[in-house]
C-alpha atoms as a PDB file:
ATOM      1  CA  MET A   1      10.162   2.387 -23.144  1.00  0.00           C
ATOM      2  CA  ALA A   2       6.778   3.118 -24.269  1.00  0.00           C
ATOM      3  CA  ASP A   3       6.527  -0.604 -25.504  1.00  0.00           C
ATOM      4  CA  ALA A   4       8.051  -1.698 -23.190  1.00  0.00           C
ATOM      5  CA  PRO A   5       5.968  -3.982 -20.180  1.00  0.00           C
ATOM      6  CA  TYR A   6       5.778  -3.492 -16.710  1.00  0.00           C
ATOM      7  CA  GLU A   7       7.257  -5.274 -14.235  1.00  0.00           C
ATOM      8  CA  LEU A   8       6.748  -5.144 -10.629  1.00  0.00           C
ATOM      9  CA  VAL A   9       8.766  -7.283  -8.629  1.00  0.00           C
ATOM     10  CA  TYR A  10       7.398  -8.152  -4.951  1.00  0.00           C
ATOM     11  CA  TRP A  11       7.606 -11.554  -2.385  1.00  0.00           C
ATOM     12  CA  PRO A  12       5.153 -13.881  -3.701  1.00  0.00           C
ATOM     13  CA  GLY A  13       2.821 -14.796  -1.169  1.00  0.00           C
ATOM     14  CA  ILE A  14       1.325 -11.335   0.381  1.00  0.00           C
ATOM     15  CA  PRO A  15      -0.177  -8.532  -0.693  1.00  0.00           C
ATOM     16  CA  GLY A  16       2.165  -6.889   0.517  1.00  0.00           C
ATOM     17  CA  ARG A  17       3.681  -2.846   0.290  1.00  0.00           C
ATOM     18  CA  GLY A  18       3.511  -4.782  -3.652  1.00  0.00           C
ATOM     19  CA  GLU A  19      -0.158  -4.090  -2.888  1.00  0.00           C
ATOM     20  CA  PHE A  20      -0.846  -0.820  -3.333  1.00  0.00           C
ATOM     21  CA  VAL A  21       1.411  -1.514  -6.484  1.00  0.00           C
ATOM     22  CA  ARG A  22      -1.004  -3.700  -8.168  1.00  0.00           C
ATOM     23  CA  LEU A  23      -3.701  -1.096  -7.546  1.00  0.00           C
ATOM     24  CA  ALA A  24      -2.505   1.501  -9.854  1.00  0.00           C
ATOM     25  CA  PHE A  25      -2.753  -1.432 -12.531  1.00  0.00           C
ATOM     26  CA  GLU A  26      -5.698  -2.889 -11.747  1.00  0.00           C
ATOM     27  CA  PHE A  27      -6.788   0.446 -12.027  1.00  0.00           C
ATOM     28  CA  SER A  28      -6.217   1.918 -14.913  1.00  0.00           C
ATOM     29  CA  GLY A  29      -6.271  -1.772 -16.703  1.00  0.00           C
ATOM     30  CA  VAL A  30      -2.918  -1.638 -17.959  1.00  0.00           C
ATOM     31  CA  PRO A  31      -1.325  -5.140 -18.098  1.00  0.00           C
ATOM     32  CA  TYR A  32       1.392  -5.241 -16.321  1.00  0.00           C
ATOM     33  CA  VAL A  33       3.472  -8.735 -15.554  1.00  0.00           C
ATOM     34  CA  ASP A  34       3.375  -9.401 -11.070  1.00  0.00           C
ATOM     35  CA  LEU A  35       6.399 -11.653 -11.375  1.00  0.00           C
ATOM     36  CA  ALA A  36       4.874 -12.556  -7.738  1.00  0.00           C
ATOM     37  CA  ARG A  37       3.221 -14.492  -9.837  1.00  0.00           C
ATOM     38  CA  VAL A  38       5.335 -16.140 -12.176  1.00  0.00           C
ATOM     39  CA  PRO A  39       7.205 -19.726 -11.649  1.00  0.00           C
ATOM     40  CA  ALA A  40      10.948 -19.511 -10.753  1.00  0.00           C
ATOM     41  CA  ALA A  41      11.488 -21.260 -13.274  1.00  0.00           C
ATOM     42  CA  GLU A  42      10.750 -18.581 -15.534  1.00  0.00           C
ATOM     43  CA  GLY A  43      12.646 -15.733 -14.315  1.00  0.00           C
ATOM     44  CA  GLY A  44       9.405 -14.941 -10.696  1.00  0.00           C
ATOM     45  CA  GLY A  45       8.827 -16.232  -6.970  1.00  0.00           C
ATOM     46  CA  ALA A  46      11.479 -14.342  -5.040  1.00  0.00           C
ATOM     47  CA  ALA A  47      14.869 -16.128  -7.302  1.00  0.00           C
ATOM     48  CA  ALA A  48      13.330 -12.499  -9.491  1.00  0.00           C
ATOM     49  CA  VAL A  49      13.707 -10.634  -6.077  1.00  0.00           C
ATOM     50  CA  THR A  50      16.414 -11.793  -4.910  1.00  0.00           C
ATOM     51  CA  LYS A  51      17.907 -11.045  -9.060  1.00  0.00           C
ATOM     52  CA  LEU A  52      17.210  -7.627  -8.192  1.00  0.00           C
ATOM     53  CA  LEU A  53      18.486  -6.618  -4.652  1.00  0.00           C
ATOM     54  CA  GLU A  54      21.679  -8.845  -5.310  1.00  0.00           C
ATOM     55  CA  SER A  55      22.117  -7.581  -9.185  1.00  0.00           C
ATOM     56  CA  ALA A  56      25.513  -5.190  -9.625  1.00  0.00           C
ATOM     57  CA  GLY A  57      24.364  -3.444 -12.693  1.00  0.00           C
ATOM     58  CA  ALA A  58      25.561   0.415 -13.155  1.00  0.00           C
ATOM     59  CA  GLY A  59      21.824   1.243 -12.547  1.00  0.00           C
ATOM     60  CA  LEU A  60      21.617   1.827  -8.447  1.00  0.00           C
ATOM     61  CA  THR A  61      20.438  -1.112  -7.163  1.00  0.00           C
ATOM     62  CA  PRO A  62      17.340  -1.311  -4.906  1.00  0.00           C
ATOM     63  CA  PHE A  63      17.262  -1.601  -0.912  1.00  0.00           C
ATOM     64  CA  ALA A  64      14.100  -3.466  -0.901  1.00  0.00           C
ATOM     65  CA  VAL A  65      11.019  -4.499  -2.666  1.00  0.00           C
ATOM     66  CA  PRO A  66       8.757  -3.520  -3.850  1.00  0.00           C
ATOM     67  CA  ALA A  67      10.312  -2.500  -7.495  1.00  0.00           C
ATOM     68  CA  LEU A  68       8.926  -1.742 -10.951  1.00  0.00           C
ATOM     69  CA  ARG A  69      11.332  -2.865 -14.245  1.00  0.00           C
ATOM     70  CA  HIS A  70      10.169  -0.525 -17.749  1.00  0.00           C
ATOM     71  CA  GLY A  71      12.731  -0.888 -19.643  1.00  0.00           C
ATOM     72  CA  GLU A  72      16.110  -0.629 -18.381  1.00  0.00           C
ATOM     73  CA  ARG A  73      14.407   1.645 -16.365  1.00  0.00           C
ATOM     74  CA  VAL A  74      14.381   0.069 -12.102  1.00  0.00           C
ATOM     75  CA  ILE A  75      12.252   2.194  -9.771  1.00  0.00           C
ATOM     76  CA  ALA A  76      12.139   0.999  -6.091  1.00  0.00           C
ATOM     77  CA  HIS A  77      10.013   2.624  -3.050  1.00  0.00           C
ATOM     78  CA  THR A  78       6.162   2.111  -3.487  1.00  0.00           C
ATOM     79  CA  ALA A  79       5.913   5.890  -2.986  1.00  0.00           C
ATOM     80  CA  ALA A  80       8.804   6.491  -5.896  1.00  0.00           C
ATOM     81  CA  ILE A  81       6.552   3.725  -8.360  1.00  0.00           C
ATOM     82  CA  LEU A  82       3.627   5.851  -8.218  1.00  0.00           C
ATOM     83  CA  GLN A  83       4.903   9.097  -8.538  1.00  0.00           C
ATOM     84  CA  TYR A  84       6.709   7.576 -11.610  1.00  0.00           C
ATOM     85  CA  LEU A  85       3.609   5.858 -12.952  1.00  0.00           C
ATOM     86  CA  ALA A  86       0.754   8.010 -12.472  1.00  0.00           C
ATOM     87  CA  PRO A  87       1.165  10.500 -14.862  1.00  0.00           C
ATOM     88  CA  ARG A  88       1.453   7.076 -17.940  1.00  0.00           C
ATOM     89  CA  LEU A  89      -1.706   5.547 -15.892  1.00  0.00           C
ATOM     90  CA  ALA A  90      -4.021   9.185 -16.064  1.00  0.00           C
ATOM     91  CA  LEU A  91      -4.633   8.559 -11.850  1.00  0.00           C
ATOM     92  CA  VAL A  92      -3.606  12.159 -11.194  1.00  0.00           C
ATOM     93  CA  PRO A  93      -3.646  15.427 -12.506  1.00  0.00           C
ATOM     94  CA  ASP A  94      -1.308  17.035 -15.901  1.00  0.00           C
ATOM     95  CA  ASP A  95      -0.726  20.575 -13.143  1.00  0.00           C
ATOM     96  CA  GLU A  96       2.100  20.743 -10.737  1.00  0.00           C
ATOM     97  CA  GLU A  97       0.756  21.250  -7.761  1.00  0.00           C
ATOM     98  CA  SER A  98      -2.082  18.571  -7.930  1.00  0.00           C
ATOM     99  CA  ARG A  99       1.337  15.355  -8.102  1.00  0.00           C
ATOM    100  CA  LEU A 100       3.271  17.444  -5.467  1.00  0.00           C
ATOM    101  CA  ARG A 101      -0.476  17.086  -3.792  1.00  0.00           C
ATOM    102  CA  ALA A 102      -0.305  13.117  -4.026  1.00  0.00           C
ATOM    103  CA  HIS A 103       3.595  12.678  -3.959  1.00  0.00           C
ATOM    104  CA  GLN A 104       3.122  14.056  -0.436  1.00  0.00           C
ATOM    105  CA  LEU A 105      -0.119  12.489   0.137  1.00  0.00           C
ATOM    106  CA  GLU A 106       1.831   8.525  -0.393  1.00  0.00           C
ATOM    107  CA  LEU A 107       4.925   9.029   1.479  1.00  0.00           C
ATOM    108  CA  THR A 108       1.872   9.831   4.593  1.00  0.00           C
ATOM    109  CA  ILE A 109       0.877   6.694   3.860  1.00  0.00           C
ATOM    110  CA  THR A 110       4.046   4.573   3.259  1.00  0.00           C
ATOM    111  CA  ASP A 111       4.853   6.293   6.694  1.00  0.00           C
ATOM    112  CA  PHE A 112       1.308   4.884   8.126  1.00  0.00           C
ATOM    113  CA  ALA A 113       2.509   1.330   6.534  1.00  0.00           C
ATOM    114  CA  ALA A 114       6.056   1.816   8.183  1.00  0.00           C
ATOM    115  CA  GLU A 115       3.975   1.774  11.894  1.00  0.00           C
ATOM    116  CA  ALA A 116       0.990  -0.274  11.348  1.00  0.00           C
ATOM    117  CA  HIS A 117       4.431  -3.583  10.223  1.00  0.00           C
ATOM    118  CA  ASP A 118       6.485  -1.860  13.364  1.00  0.00           C
ATOM    119  CA  VAL A 119       3.607  -2.295  15.943  1.00  0.00           C
ATOM    120  CA  HIS A 120       4.215  -6.700  15.247  1.00  0.00           C
ATOM    121  CA  HIS A 121       7.581  -6.914  14.913  1.00  0.00           C
ATOM    122  CA  PRO A 122       8.623  -3.428  16.786  1.00  0.00           C
ATOM    123  CA  ILE A 123      12.686  -4.777  17.249  1.00  0.00           C
ATOM    124  CA  ALA A 124      14.107  -6.417  14.329  1.00  0.00           C
ATOM    125  CA  THR A 125      12.164  -7.990  11.214  1.00  0.00           C
ATOM    126  CA  ALA A 126      14.524 -10.051  11.402  1.00  0.00           C
ATOM    127  CA  LEU A 127      13.039 -11.392  15.132  1.00  0.00           C
ATOM    128  CA  TYR A 128      10.129 -13.944  14.858  1.00  0.00           C
ATOM    129  CA  TYR A 129       6.795 -12.602  16.363  1.00  0.00           C
ATOM    130  CA  GLU A 130       7.043 -14.622  19.389  1.00  0.00           C
ATOM    131  CA  ASP A 131      10.856 -13.356  20.477  1.00  0.00           C
ATOM    132  CA  GLN A 132      10.007  -9.831  20.240  1.00  0.00           C
ATOM    133  CA  ARG A 133       6.396 -10.012  21.590  1.00  0.00           C
ATOM    134  CA  ALA A 134       6.449  -7.823  24.879  1.00  0.00           C
ATOM    135  CA  GLU A 135       7.586  -5.040  23.434  1.00  0.00           C
ATOM    136  CA  ALA A 136       4.645  -4.884  20.534  1.00  0.00           C
ATOM    137  CA  LEU A 137       1.545  -5.406  23.040  1.00  0.00           C
ATOM    138  CA  ARG A 138       3.714  -2.788  24.534  1.00  0.00           C
ATOM    139  CA  ARG A 139       3.347  -0.540  21.276  1.00  0.00           C
ATOM    140  CA  ALA A 140      -0.125  -1.867  19.846  1.00  0.00           C
ATOM    141  CA  PRO A 141      -2.619   0.247  22.555  1.00  0.00           C
ATOM    142  CA  PHE A 142      -0.668   2.363  21.513  1.00  0.00           C
ATOM    143  CA  PHE A 143      -0.475   2.104  17.794  1.00  0.00           C
ATOM    144  CA  VAL A 144      -3.997   1.622  17.700  1.00  0.00           C
ATOM    145  CA  SER A 145      -5.908   4.386  19.663  1.00  0.00           C
ATOM    146  CA  GLU A 146      -2.887   6.879  19.636  1.00  0.00           C
ATOM    147  CA  ARG A 147      -1.624   7.146  16.019  1.00  0.00           C
ATOM    148  CA  VAL A 148      -4.294   5.567  13.751  1.00  0.00           C
ATOM    149  CA  SER A 149      -6.617   8.745  14.404  1.00  0.00           C
ATOM    150  CA  LYS A 150      -3.404  10.819  13.788  1.00  0.00           C
ATOM    151  CA  PHE A 151      -2.709   9.543  10.911  1.00  0.00           C
ATOM    152  CA  PHE A 152      -7.179   9.663   9.810  1.00  0.00           C
ATOM    153  CA  ARG A 153      -7.552  12.845  10.350  1.00  0.00           C
ATOM    154  CA  TYR A 154      -4.501  13.418   8.340  1.00  0.00           C
ATOM    155  CA  PHE A 155      -6.433  11.918   5.312  1.00  0.00           C
ATOM    156  CA  ASP A 156      -9.502  13.352   6.224  1.00  0.00           C
ATOM    157  CA  ARG A 157      -8.533  16.945   6.187  1.00  0.00           C
ATOM    158  CA  ALA A 158      -7.649  16.326   3.593  1.00  0.00           C
ATOM    159  CA  LEU A 159     -10.578  15.624   1.217  1.00  0.00           C
ATOM    160  CA  ASP A 160     -11.397  19.068   3.112  1.00  0.00           C
ATOM    161  CA  SER A 161      -8.617  20.981   1.500  1.00  0.00           C
ATOM    162  CA  ASN A 162      -9.200  20.249  -1.669  1.00  0.00           C
ATOM    163  CA  PRO A 163     -11.475  21.995  -3.222  1.00  0.00           C
ATOM    164  CA  ASP A 164     -11.956  19.749  -6.333  1.00  0.00           C
ATOM    165  CA  GLY A 165     -12.447  17.037  -4.653  1.00  0.00           C
ATOM    166  CA  GLY A 166     -16.791  16.691  -2.762  1.00  0.00           C
ATOM    167  CA  GLY A 167     -14.986  15.225   0.710  1.00  0.00           C
ATOM    168  CA  ARG A 168     -14.643  11.935  -1.750  1.00  0.00           C
ATOM    169  CA  PHE A 169     -11.198  12.505  -3.800  1.00  0.00           C
ATOM    170  CA  LEU A 170      -7.734  13.413  -2.045  1.00  0.00           C
ATOM    171  CA  VAL A 171      -6.507  14.939  -5.432  1.00  0.00           C
ATOM    172  CA  GLY A 172      -8.509  16.847  -7.701  1.00  0.00           C
ATOM    173  CA  SER A 173     -12.238  15.508  -9.228  1.00  0.00           C
ATOM    174  CA  ARG A 174     -11.824  11.508  -9.797  1.00  0.00           C
ATOM    175  CA  ARG A 175      -9.621   9.447  -8.942  1.00  0.00           C
ATOM    176  CA  SER A 176      -5.703   9.416  -7.665  1.00  0.00           C
ATOM    177  CA  TYR A 177      -3.387   6.767  -6.578  1.00  0.00           C
ATOM    178  CA  PRO A 178      -3.897   8.334  -2.524  1.00  0.00           C
ATOM    179  CA  ASP A 179      -7.429   7.003  -2.799  1.00  0.00           C
ATOM    180  CA  LEU A 180      -6.161   3.850  -3.724  1.00  0.00           C
ATOM    181  CA  SER A 181      -3.952   3.699  -1.173  1.00  0.00           C
ATOM    182  CA  VAL A 182      -6.065   4.891   2.266  1.00  0.00           C
ATOM    183  CA  PHE A 183      -8.617   1.947   0.758  1.00  0.00           C
ATOM    184  CA  HIS A 184      -5.657  -0.973   0.746  1.00  0.00           C
ATOM    185  CA  MET A 185      -4.465   0.588   4.463  1.00  0.00           C
ATOM    186  CA  ILE A 186      -8.406   0.233   5.338  1.00  0.00           C
ATOM    187  CA  ALA A 187      -9.112  -3.627   3.927  1.00  0.00           C
ATOM    188  CA  GLY A 188      -5.764  -4.719   6.018  1.00  0.00           C
ATOM    189  CA  LEU A 189      -5.902  -2.247   9.745  1.00  0.00           C
ATOM    190  CA  ARG A 190     -10.351  -4.454   9.278  1.00  0.00           C
ATOM    191  CA  TYR A 191      -7.738  -7.308   8.848  1.00  0.00           C
ATOM    192  CA  ALA A 192      -5.198  -7.040  11.844  1.00  0.00           C
ATOM    193  CA  PHE A 193      -7.639  -4.948  14.603  1.00  0.00           C
ATOM    194  CA  PRO A 194     -10.686  -6.248  13.832  1.00  0.00           C
ATOM    195  CA  ARG A 195     -11.951  -5.377  17.416  1.00  0.00           C
ATOM    196  CA  SER A 196     -11.211  -1.327  17.545  1.00  0.00           C
ATOM    197  CA  MET A 197     -11.108  -0.357  13.792  1.00  0.00           C
ATOM    198  CA  PRO A 198     -15.221  -0.076  14.397  1.00  0.00           C
ATOM    199  CA  ALA A 199     -15.083   2.696  16.781  1.00  0.00           C
ATOM    200  CA  HIS A 200     -12.138   4.473  14.566  1.00  0.00           C
ATOM    201  CA  GLU A 201     -14.437   3.890  10.882  1.00  0.00           C
ATOM    202  CA  ALA A 202     -17.483   5.639  12.903  1.00  0.00           C
ATOM    203  CA  SER A 203     -15.297   9.050  13.921  1.00  0.00           C
ATOM    204  CA  PHE A 204     -14.362   8.704   9.802  1.00  0.00           C
ATOM    205  CA  PRO A 205     -17.148   8.084   7.934  1.00  0.00           C
ATOM    206  CA  ARG A 206     -15.630   9.860   4.645  1.00  0.00           C
ATOM    207  CA  LEU A 207     -12.740   7.915   4.898  1.00  0.00           C
ATOM    208  CA  VAL A 208     -15.076   4.384   4.391  1.00  0.00           C
ATOM    209  CA  ALA A 209     -17.365   5.848   1.841  1.00  0.00           C
ATOM    210  CA  LEU A 210     -14.119   6.501  -0.040  1.00  0.00           C
ATOM    211  CA  HIS A 211     -13.041   2.551   1.225  1.00  0.00           C
ATOM    212  CA  ASP A 212     -16.158   1.563   0.122  1.00  0.00           C
ATOM    213  CA  ALA A 213     -16.371   3.308  -3.532  1.00  0.00           C
ATOM    214  CA  VAL A 214     -12.856   2.287  -4.675  1.00  0.00           C
ATOM    215  CA  ALA A 215     -14.122  -1.921  -3.978  1.00  0.00           C
ATOM    216  CA  LYS A 216     -17.282  -0.589  -6.391  1.00  0.00           C
ATOM    217  CA  GLU A 217     -14.749   0.797  -9.512  1.00  0.00           C
ATOM    218  CA  PRO A 218     -15.938  -2.227 -11.631  1.00  0.00           C
ATOM    219  CA  ARG A 219     -12.245  -3.466 -12.716  1.00  0.00           C
ATOM    220  CA  ILE A 220     -10.565  -3.729  -8.405  1.00  0.00           C
ATOM    221  CA  ALA A 221     -14.083  -5.126  -7.941  1.00  0.00           C
ATOM    222  CA  ALA A 222     -13.245  -7.293 -10.427  1.00  0.00           C
ATOM    223  CA  TYR A 223      -9.430  -7.801  -8.733  1.00  0.00           C
ATOM    224  CA  LEU A 224     -10.894  -8.226  -6.455  1.00  0.00           C
ATOM    225  CA  ALA A 225     -13.569 -10.677  -6.913  1.00  0.00           C
ATOM    226  CA  SER A 226     -10.124 -12.272  -8.649  1.00  0.00           C
ATOM    227  CA  GLU A 227      -7.465 -14.961  -7.546  1.00  0.00           C
ATOM    228  CA  ARG A 228      -4.623 -12.051  -8.451  1.00  0.00           C
ATOM    229  CA  ARG A 229      -5.469 -11.078  -5.763  1.00  0.00           C
ATOM    230  CA  GLN A 230      -3.591 -12.028  -2.451  1.00  0.00           C
ATOM    231  CA  GLY A 231      -5.482 -12.429   0.768  1.00  0.00           C
ATOM    232  CA  PHE A 232      -4.102 -10.783   3.958  1.00  0.00           C
ATOM    233  CA  ASN A 233      -2.149 -13.375   5.571  1.00  0.00           C
ATOM    234  CA  GLN A 234       0.417 -14.026   8.414  1.00  0.00           C
ATOM    235  CA  HIS A 235       3.650 -13.675   6.752  1.00  0.00           C
ATOM    236  CA  GLY A 236       2.533  -9.825   5.327  1.00  0.00           C
ATOM    237  CA  LEU A 237       2.385  -6.440   5.944  1.00  0.00           C
ATOM    238  CA  PHE A 238      -0.925  -6.203   8.026  1.00  0.00           C
ATOM    239  CA  ARG A 239      -0.986  -9.412  10.691  1.00  0.00           C
ATOM    240  CA  HIS A 240      -3.729  -9.840  13.175  1.00  0.00           C
ATOM    241  CA  TYR A 241      -2.554 -11.408  16.273  1.00  0.00           C
ATOM    242  CA  SER A 242      -5.936 -11.138  18.745  1.00  0.00           C
ATOM    243  CA  GLU A 243      -3.932  -9.627  22.445  1.00  0.00           C
ATOM    244  CA  LEU A 244      -2.522  -6.353  19.787  1.00  0.00           C
ATOM    245  CA  ASP A 245      -6.181  -5.363  18.759  1.00  0.00           C
ATOM    246  CA  THR A 246      -7.130  -3.030  21.843  1.00  0.00           C
ATOM    247  CA  THR A 247      -7.519   0.821  22.523  1.00  0.00           C
ATOM    248  CA  GLU A 248      -6.251   0.336  26.000  1.00  0.00           C
ATOM    249  CA  ALA A 249      -3.133   1.771  25.586  1.00  0.00           C
END
């Protein structure tokens, strides 16, 4: 298992939830295969996702991607993948309390990401945005004006409750995977809500500093400047619709 390659299975063309996992690999410098970037003829692309989700092996088939394949193991759900990877990539302290703290933070980020997605798809993922535009217009102001600040307040308090973090790290005394995930959330929200985010950022400068510090980490900076980094677009987790970018509830 130690020599087995790490394979990330996710949809091509979008950063999405797979990006939380990519950032862990990129920050740690541990090699991985991103099947979203592998041609379908070579076993990658959307075909790899479909094959995995429709497999009927002896193990538990993932409900959705991202999924991680490591030897004979297949782990699905972003938080579970990161919980598995973190000790192997040195992205969490060794003690149990820190690992539980990191997992709790990541599960909260999972909730945050789901709410961000449901702003533009509040009824069903099978419908186009235009088919649920009225519901999205009703939901968006509450997310932007209330939920973003509530989540940010929680993570800001988490900086205070980490005695070893100096207000800079969410877990322990150095960078851990929840830091990377908060970075991705802020980056995605900036894309989706460019008019609304400056006010939130002004209220939580330490989270902005966390985001900026992650962006400057040498391996992350190199990744962000590379072709491996997929840009946000109108098909992923974070989408920009100007009419939804409002603070009026």
